[in-house]
């Protein structure tokens, strides 16, 4: 896997806090941020909005708006998995 650098800006107090926490756990700030981002992304990917829109890259702007409007109007009951089917290919 290729590794790339990413620059971002944060409040100095937050950076110092990250350095302190990382130091206490004997880890780098990079490792701390990487772990936190991975955990946050894993949580976001569980969200129904993400799961319903992740594969809709080829939709037009109008189609996207229509899909998003439908998703926003769904209740928790609408989003409950009613059945599961497994297919072997």
Protein backbone atom coordinates (compact mmCIF):
# COMPACT_ATOMS: atom_id res chain seq x y z
CA UNK A 1 0.00 0.00 0.00
CA UNK A 2 1.36 3.40 -0.95
CA UNK A 3 1.71 6.01 1.77
CA UNK A 4 1.02 9.66 1.06
CA UNK A 5 1.36 12.76 3.19
CA UNK A 6 -1.58 14.95 4.11
CA UNK A 7 -1.36 18.42 5.61
CA UNK A 8 -4.16 19.93 7.65
CA UNK A 9 -4.50 22.80 10.09
CA UNK A 10 -5.65 22.49 13.67
CA UNK A 11 -5.80 24.71 16.69
CA UNK A 12 -2.44 24.75 18.49
CA UNK A 13 -4.03 23.64 21.77
CA UNK A 14 -5.52 20.58 20.06
CA UNK A 15 -2.14 19.69 18.58
CA UNK A 16 -0.45 19.98 21.97
CA UNK A 17 -3.21 17.82 23.47
CA UNK A 18 -2.67 15.16 20.79
CA UNK A 19 1.08 15.19 21.40
CA UNK A 20 0.55 14.78 25.13
CA UNK A 21 -1.89 11.89 24.76
CA UNK A 22 0.25 10.18 22.12
CA UNK A 23 3.32 10.51 24.34
CA UNK A 24 1.54 8.97 27.32
CA UNK A 25 0.59 5.96 25.19
CA UNK A 26 4.05 5.80 23.60
CA UNK A 27 2.75 6.35 20.08
CA UNK A 28 3.31 8.94 17.38
CA UNK A 29 0.80 11.68 16.66
CA UNK A 30 0.48 10.19 13.17
CA UNK A 31 -0.54 6.84 14.64
CA UNK A 32 -3.00 8.54 17.00
CA UNK A 33 -4.62 10.51 14.17
CA UNK A 34 -4.64 7.48 11.83
CA UNK A 35 -6.41 5.36 14.46
CA UNK A 36 -8.92 8.10 15.27
CA UNK A 37 -9.73 8.72 11.60
CA UNK A 38 -10.12 4.98 10.92
CA UNK A 39 -12.51 4.63 13.87
CA UNK A 40 -14.52 7.66 12.75
CA UNK A 41 -14.71 6.44 9.13
CA UNK A 42 -15.83 2.99 10.28
CA UNK A 43 -18.63 4.65 12.25
CA UNK A 44 -19.66 6.88 9.33
CA UNK A 45 -19.77 3.90 6.98
CA UNK A 46 -22.38 2.27 9.22
CA UNK A 47 -24.71 5.23 8.71
CA UNK A 48 -27.69 4.39 6.46
CA UNK A 49 -27.12 7.53 4.39
CA UNK A 50 -23.62 6.36 3.47
CA UNK A 51 -24.70 2.78 2.83
CA UNK A 52 -27.51 3.90 0.52
CA UNK A 53 -25.46 6.41 -1.47
CA UNK A 54 -21.95 4.96 -1.64
CA UNK A 55 -22.53 3.23 -5.00
CA UNK A 56 -24.44 6.07 -6.69
CA UNK A 57 -21.53 7.73 -8.49
CA UNK A 58 -23.08 7.78 -11.95
CA UNK A 59 -26.37 9.45 -11.01
CA UNK A 60 -27.21 12.84 -12.48
CA UNK A 61 -27.63 15.84 -10.17
CA UNK A 62 -31.43 15.51 -10.43
CA UNK A 63 -31.32 11.79 -9.65
CA UNK A 64 -29.02 12.41 -6.71
CA UNK A 65 -31.33 15.08 -5.29
CA UNK A 66 -34.32 12.76 -5.67
CA UNK A 67 -32.50 9.87 -3.96
CA UNK A 68 -31.29 12.08 -1.12
CA UNK A 69 -34.77 13.53 -0.60
CA UNK A 70 -36.18 10.00 -0.31
CA UNK A 71 -33.48 8.97 2.15
CA UNK A 72 -33.99 12.04 4.33
CA UNK A 73 -37.70 11.26 4.63
CA UNK A 74 -37.13 7.66 5.74
CA UNK A 75 -37.81 6.62 9.31
CA UNK A 76 -35.74 4.19 11.37
CA UNK A 77 -38.40 1.57 10.64
CA UNK A 78 -37.96 2.15 6.89
CA UNK A 79 -34.23 1.56 7.26
CA UNK A 80 -34.57 -1.68 9.25
CA UNK A 81 -33.29 -4.70 7.34
CA UNK A 82 -36.32 -6.88 6.67
CA UNK A 83 -34.52 -9.83 5.11
CA UNK A 84 -31.12 -10.88 3.90
CA UNK A 85 -30.24 -13.00 0.90
CA UNK A 86 -26.82 -14.45 0.18
CA UNK A 87 -25.75 -15.33 -3.35
CA UNK A 88 -22.78 -17.39 -4.32
CA UNK A 89 -21.20 -16.43 -7.61
